Amino acid sequence: MRTVLKYGLALLCLLPILGYAADQFPAQQSFAGQALNLNGKGIRSKAFFNLYNAGLYLQASNSDAAAILTSDQPSAVRLEITSSMITSRVLEDAVREGFKYSNPDPALQPRIEKLISVFKEEIKEGDIYDFVYKPTNMSIIKNGKAAATIAGHDFKQALYGIWIGNKPVQASLKKALLGQ
């Protein structure tokens, strides 16, 4: 009986947190006027710490990473910062490393710097970043406000490749985003 009460109390404490997280990743979301469906969501963790939640939005469900990366259809990745360990400097370093593994093409560097400039503003737990791709460009939105626009399908492929490419930042997150 004591065990049941302990786990019941733990569950009750988690319900508000679970409800909050679910609200950040609805099954369907409008991004820049385009209705997209949640393909999958997961947690980026490192050394027992949950750093952020991520969700991949597509027009139709797809578990083929290569097809998603090469697609020129509207899509979005949403990140919800869940740890105070994520600072501007930490995110900058993570982005640089992610692009190195996803696509080290030097031609992307000016656009990577533009993305990194978005992260120079203070980052707090609960911040939400949307990376919304519409053919030809990527809009970066922080907490509902436009932060930058970066041109290029190749940039979208490299950015999304950080999470679902051949060398993703975390294999379990890749599987979750692909709905597996």
Protein backbone atom coordinates (compact mmCIF):
# COMPACT_ATOMS: atom_id res chain seq x y z
CA MET A 1 0.00 0.00 0.00
CA ARG A 2 2.83 2.39 0.86
CA THR A 3 4.43 1.79 -2.57
CA VAL A 4 1.15 2.52 -4.35
CA LEU A 5 0.77 5.78 -2.43
CA LYS A 6 4.36 6.78 -3.17
CA TYR A 7 3.99 6.20 -6.92
CA GLY A 8 0.53 7.76 -6.95
CA LEU A 9 1.87 10.89 -5.29
CA ALA A 10 4.78 11.01 -7.74
CA LEU A 11 2.36 10.74 -10.66
CA LEU A 12 0.19 13.53 -9.27
CA CYS A 13 3.26 15.74 -9.01
CA LEU A 14 4.19 14.99 -12.61
CA LEU A 15 0.76 15.65 -14.13
CA PRO A 16 1.17 19.43 -14.34
CA ILE A 17 4.59 18.99 -15.94
CA LEU A 18 3.33 16.42 -18.43
CA GLY A 19 0.36 18.60 -19.33
CA TYR A 20 2.62 21.61 -19.89
CA ALA A 21 4.99 19.66 -22.14
CA ALA A 22 2.12 18.24 -24.17
CA ASP A 23 0.81 21.76 -24.86
CA GLN A 24 4.11 22.73 -26.50
CA PHE A 25 3.84 19.92 -29.06
CA PRO A 26 0.24 19.71 -30.28
CA ALA A 27 -0.64 17.02 -32.83
CA GLN A 28 -1.18 19.75 -35.43
CA GLN A 29 0.41 23.18 -35.42
CA SER A 30 0.30 26.14 -37.76
CA PHE A 31 3.74 27.46 -38.69
CA ALA A 32 3.88 30.60 -40.83
CA GLY A 33 0.37 29.90 -42.10
CA GLN A 34 1.07 26.23 -42.92
CA ALA A 35 -0.72 23.51 -40.94
CA LEU A 36 1.77 20.74 -40.14
CA ASN A 37 1.39 17.48 -38.21
CA LEU A 38 3.61 16.26 -35.39
CA ASN A 39 5.71 13.45 -36.85
CA GLY A 40 7.47 12.65 -33.59
CA LYS A 41 8.88 14.22 -30.45
CA GLY A 42 11.66 13.35 -28.06
CA ILE A 43 14.05 14.54 -25.41
CA ARG A 44 17.66 15.60 -25.89
CA SER A 45 19.53 14.42 -22.86
CA LYS A 46 23.16 14.30 -21.86
CA ALA A 47 24.68 12.70 -18.77
CA PHE A 48 21.33 12.21 -17.00
CA PHE A 49 20.15 15.77 -17.74
CA ASN A 50 17.21 16.59 -20.01
CA LEU A 51 18.30 19.62 -22.03
CA TYR A 52 15.40 20.22 -24.41
CA ASN A 53 12.33 18.66 -25.94
CA ALA A 54 12.15 18.50 -29.72
CA GLY A 55 9.34 17.91 -32.17
CA LEU A 56 9.40 17.39 -35.93
CA TYR A 57 6.40 18.66 -37.91
CA LEU A 58 5.66 17.55 -41.46
CA GLN A 59 2.75 17.67 -43.89
CA ALA A 60 2.37 13.88 -43.65
CA SER A 61 3.93 11.24 -41.39
CA ASN A 62 7.30 9.97 -42.55
CA SER A 63 9.90 7.78 -40.87
CA ASP A 64 12.47 8.02 -43.68
CA ALA A 65 15.13 10.48 -42.54
CA ALA A 66 16.74 10.76 -45.98
CA ALA A 67 13.38 11.59 -47.59
CA ILE A 68 12.65 14.24 -44.96
CA LEU A 69 16.08 15.81 -45.39
CA THR A 70 15.80 16.01 -49.18
CA SER A 71 12.15 17.08 -49.22
CA ASP A 72 11.49 20.64 -50.32
CA GLN A 73 8.08 20.69 -48.63
CA PRO A 74 7.13 22.86 -45.64
CA SER A 75 8.28 21.44 -42.30
CA ALA A 76 9.34 22.58 -38.85
CA VAL A 77 11.42 21.56 -35.86
CA ARG A 78 10.35 22.90 -32.48
CA LEU A 79 12.71 23.01 -29.50
CA GLU A 80 11.58 23.68 -25.95
CA ILE A 81 14.45 24.48 -23.60
CA THR A 82 13.98 22.47 -20.40
CA SER A 83 17.27 23.05 -18.61
CA SER A 84 19.05 26.08 -17.22
CA MET A 85 22.24 24.35 -18.40
CA ILE A 86 21.40 25.58 -21.92
CA THR A 87 23.07 28.97 -22.24
CA SER A 88 23.92 31.03 -25.31
CA ARG A 89 27.49 29.72 -25.24
CA VAL A 90 26.46 26.09 -24.76
CA LEU A 91 23.95 26.31 -27.61
CA GLU A 92 26.48 28.02 -29.87
CA ASP A 93 29.03 25.26 -29.24
CA ALA A 94 26.38 22.57 -29.77
CA VAL A 95 25.25 24.11 -33.07
CA ARG A 96 28.81 24.36 -34.36
CA GLU A 97 29.48 20.73 -33.46
CA GLY A 98 26.14 19.62 -34.90
CA PHE A 99 26.81 21.25 -38.27
CA LYS A 100 30.32 19.77 -38.30
CA TYR A 101 28.77 16.29 -38.22
CA SER A 102 25.72 17.08 -40.32
CA ASN A 103 27.33 19.06 -43.15
CA PRO A 104 30.77 20.66 -42.76
CA ASP A 105 30.48 22.59 -46.07
CA PRO A 106 32.29 25.95 -45.58
CA ALA A 107 29.71 27.62 -47.84
CA LEU A 108 27.19 27.24 -45.01
CA GLN A 109 29.34 29.15 -42.50
CA PRO A 110 27.82 32.65 -42.99
CA ARG A 111 24.33 31.18 -42.56
CA ILE A 112 25.43 29.19 -39.49
CA GLU A 113 26.73 32.44 -38.00
CA LYS A 114 23.36 34.06 -38.68
CA LEU A 115 21.64 31.21 -36.82
CA ILE A 116 24.09 31.49 -33.93
CA SER A 117 23.37 35.23 -33.69
CA VAL A 118 19.79 34.30 -32.73
CA PHE A 119 21.14 32.43 -29.71
CA LYS A 120 23.09 35.47 -28.44
CA GLU A 121 19.94 36.70 -26.69
CA GLU A 122 19.53 35.22 -23.19
CA ILE A 123 18.16 31.68 -23.19
CA LYS A 124 15.87 30.56 -20.38
CA GLU A 125 14.03 27.40 -19.41
CA GLY A 126 10.72 27.39 -21.26
CA ASP A 127 12.00 29.25 -24.33
CA ILE A 128 10.65 27.80 -27.55
CA TYR A 129 12.48 27.93 -30.86
CA ASP A 130 10.70 27.05 -34.10
CA PHE A 131 12.78 26.36 -37.20
CA VAL A 132 10.20 26.63 -39.97
CA TYR A 133 11.13 25.64 -43.49
CA LYS A 134 9.13 26.89 -46.44
CA PRO A 135 10.68 26.16 -49.81
CA THR A 136 13.71 28.40 -50.30
CA ASN A 137 14.16 29.62 -46.71
CA MET A 138 14.15 28.83 -43.02
CA SER A 139 12.44 31.13 -40.52
CA ILE A 140 13.68 31.03 -36.96
CA ILE A 141 11.09 32.05 -34.40
CA LYS A 142 11.80 32.47 -30.69
CA ASN A 143 8.84 32.45 -28.33
CA GLY A 144 6.47 33.37 -31.17
CA LYS A 145 8.56 36.26 -32.52
CA ALA A 146 10.50 36.21 -35.79
CA ALA A 147 14.23 36.15 -35.07
CA ALA A 148 15.85 35.47 -38.46
CA THR A 149 15.35 34.13 -41.95
CA ILE A 150 18.05 32.02 -43.55
CA ALA A 151 17.99 31.07 -47.22
CA GLY A 152 18.61 27.71 -48.75
CA HIS A 153 17.36 24.17 -48.96
CA ASP A 154 20.93 23.08 -48.24
CA PHE A 155 20.75 24.95 -44.92
CA LYS A 156 17.51 23.15 -44.00
CA GLN A 157 19.12 19.80 -44.81
CA ALA A 158 22.16 20.58 -42.68
CA LEU A 159 20.14 21.95 -39.74
CA TYR A 160 17.66 19.06 -39.67
CA GLY A 161 20.60 16.71 -40.20
CA ILE A 162 21.80 17.62 -36.71
CA TRP A 163 18.83 15.65 -35.34
CA ILE A 164 17.94 13.15 -38.08
CA GLY A 165 21.06 12.89 -40.25
CA ASN A 166 23.56 10.04 -40.54
CA LYS A 167 25.44 11.25 -37.42
CA PRO A 168 22.65 12.67 -35.25
CA VAL A 169 23.29 14.41 -31.97
CA GLN A 170 21.46 11.55 -30.22
CA ALA A 171 20.24 8.29 -31.80
CA SER A 172 17.21 7.93 -29.49
CA LEU A 173 16.10 11.49 -30.32
CA LYS A 174 16.38 10.74 -34.04
CA LYS A 175 14.17 7.67 -33.62
CA ALA A 176 11.63 9.67 -31.61
CA LEU A 177 11.46 12.48 -34.19
CA LEU A 178 10.94 9.89 -36.92
CA GLY A 179 8.04 8.45 -34.95
CA GLN A 180 9.79 5.13 -34.32
